[in-house]
Amino acid sequence: MQRFMEDSGAYEHWLADNQHQYVINAERSLNPANLVLHRASCHTINGAPARGTTWVGSYVKLVGTRAELETEHPTARPCRLCL
């Protein structure tokens, strides 16, 4: 599992190489009530950011296999669009 907190370019590079993996989108505080699990290919966490110019900053991205993300963050709820 990796964490992207500052470098949106590194996150975008990871996405390009790992479309079969998963991403938890989280507030910087990692508030367990607001963790959302996505497929890396989900348009809501991939491509051009809808709000602003960066994917990370006020939000962080935790990336890896679905099993490791769900084990580490069992409160993450599945994205309603991609899962």
Protein backbone atom coordinates (compact mmCIF):
# COMPACT_ATOMS: atom_id res chain seq x y z
CA MET A 1 0.00 0.00 0.00
CA GLN A 2 1.22 3.49 -0.86
CA ARG A 3 0.03 6.92 0.25
CA PHE A 4 -0.03 10.03 -1.93
CA MET A 5 -0.36 13.23 0.10
CA GLU A 6 1.50 15.93 -1.82
CA ASP A 7 2.61 14.82 -5.27
CA SER A 8 -0.33 14.66 -7.67
CA GLY A 9 2.03 13.82 -10.54
CA ALA A 10 3.31 10.72 -8.75
CA TYR A 11 -0.29 9.66 -8.07
CA GLU A 12 -1.22 10.16 -11.74
CA HIS A 13 1.84 8.14 -12.80
CA TRP A 14 0.85 5.33 -10.39
CA LEU A 15 -2.69 5.34 -11.86
CA ALA A 16 -1.35 5.01 -15.39
CA ASP A 17 0.65 1.93 -14.40
CA ASN A 18 -1.93 0.32 -12.08
CA GLN A 19 -5.42 0.51 -13.57
CA HIS A 20 -6.18 -2.96 -12.14
CA GLN A 21 -5.55 -1.77 -8.56
CA TYR A 22 -7.67 0.19 -6.07
CA VAL A 23 -7.66 3.64 -4.43
CA ILE A 24 -9.11 4.94 -1.17
CA ASN A 25 -9.93 8.63 -1.41
CA ALA A 26 -9.67 10.14 2.06
CA GLU A 27 -9.62 13.42 3.92
CA ARG A 28 -6.13 14.25 5.19
CA SER A 29 -7.28 13.32 8.70
CA LEU A 30 -8.16 9.79 7.45
CA ASN A 31 -11.56 10.18 9.09
CA PRO A 32 -12.85 6.56 9.06
CA ALA A 33 -16.38 7.79 8.29
CA ASN A 34 -15.28 9.39 5.01
CA LEU A 35 -13.14 6.79 3.26
CA VAL A 36 -14.26 5.75 -0.23
CA LEU A 37 -12.83 2.74 -2.06
CA HIS A 38 -12.56 3.03 -5.87
CA ARG A 39 -11.19 1.03 -8.75
CA ALA A 40 -8.12 2.89 -10.03
CA SER A 41 -9.94 3.28 -13.35
CA CYS A 42 -12.89 5.18 -11.77
CA HIS A 43 -13.42 8.52 -13.50
CA THR A 44 -14.04 10.24 -10.15
CA ILE A 45 -10.41 9.75 -9.04
CA ASN A 46 -8.70 9.51 -12.44
CA GLY A 47 -8.17 11.81 -15.45
CA ALA A 48 -8.61 15.57 -15.06
CA PRO A 49 -9.53 16.68 -11.51
CA ALA A 50 -13.09 18.01 -11.39
CA ARG A 51 -12.32 20.51 -8.62
CA GLY A 52 -9.04 22.25 -9.13
CA THR A 53 -5.75 21.25 -10.64
CA THR A 54 -4.57 18.49 -8.31
CA TRP A 55 -5.82 15.15 -7.00
CA VAL A 56 -4.00 15.41 -3.68
CA GLY A 57 -3.76 18.22 -1.16
CA SER A 58 -6.90 18.44 0.94
CA TYR A 59 -7.47 14.78 0.13
CA VAL A 60 -5.00 11.90 0.13
CA LYS A 61 -4.98 8.75 -1.94
CA LEU A 62 -4.18 5.35 -0.45
CA VAL A 63 -3.44 2.86 -3.20
CA GLY A 64 -2.91 -0.88 -3.51
CA THR A 65 -4.81 -4.13 -3.82
CA ARG A 66 -8.41 -4.24 -2.70
CA ALA A 67 -7.58 -6.81 -0.02
CA GLU A 68 -4.81 -4.77 1.59
CA LEU A 69 -6.83 -1.54 1.51
CA GLU A 70 -9.92 -3.19 3.02
CA THR A 71 -7.80 -4.91 5.68
CA GLU A 72 -6.06 -1.67 6.66
CA HIS A 73 -9.21 0.50 6.38
CA PRO A 74 -12.29 -1.70 6.95
CA THR A 75 -14.62 1.31 7.22
CA ALA A 76 -13.99 2.34 3.58
CA ARG A 77 -17.27 2.27 1.69
CA PRO A 78 -17.34 1.21 -1.96
CA CYS A 79 -17.80 3.85 -4.65
CA ARG A 80 -21.36 3.71 -5.99
CA LEU A 81 -20.12 4.30 -9.54
CA CYS A 82 -17.31 1.79 -9.97
CA LEU A 83 -17.81 -0.99 -7.40
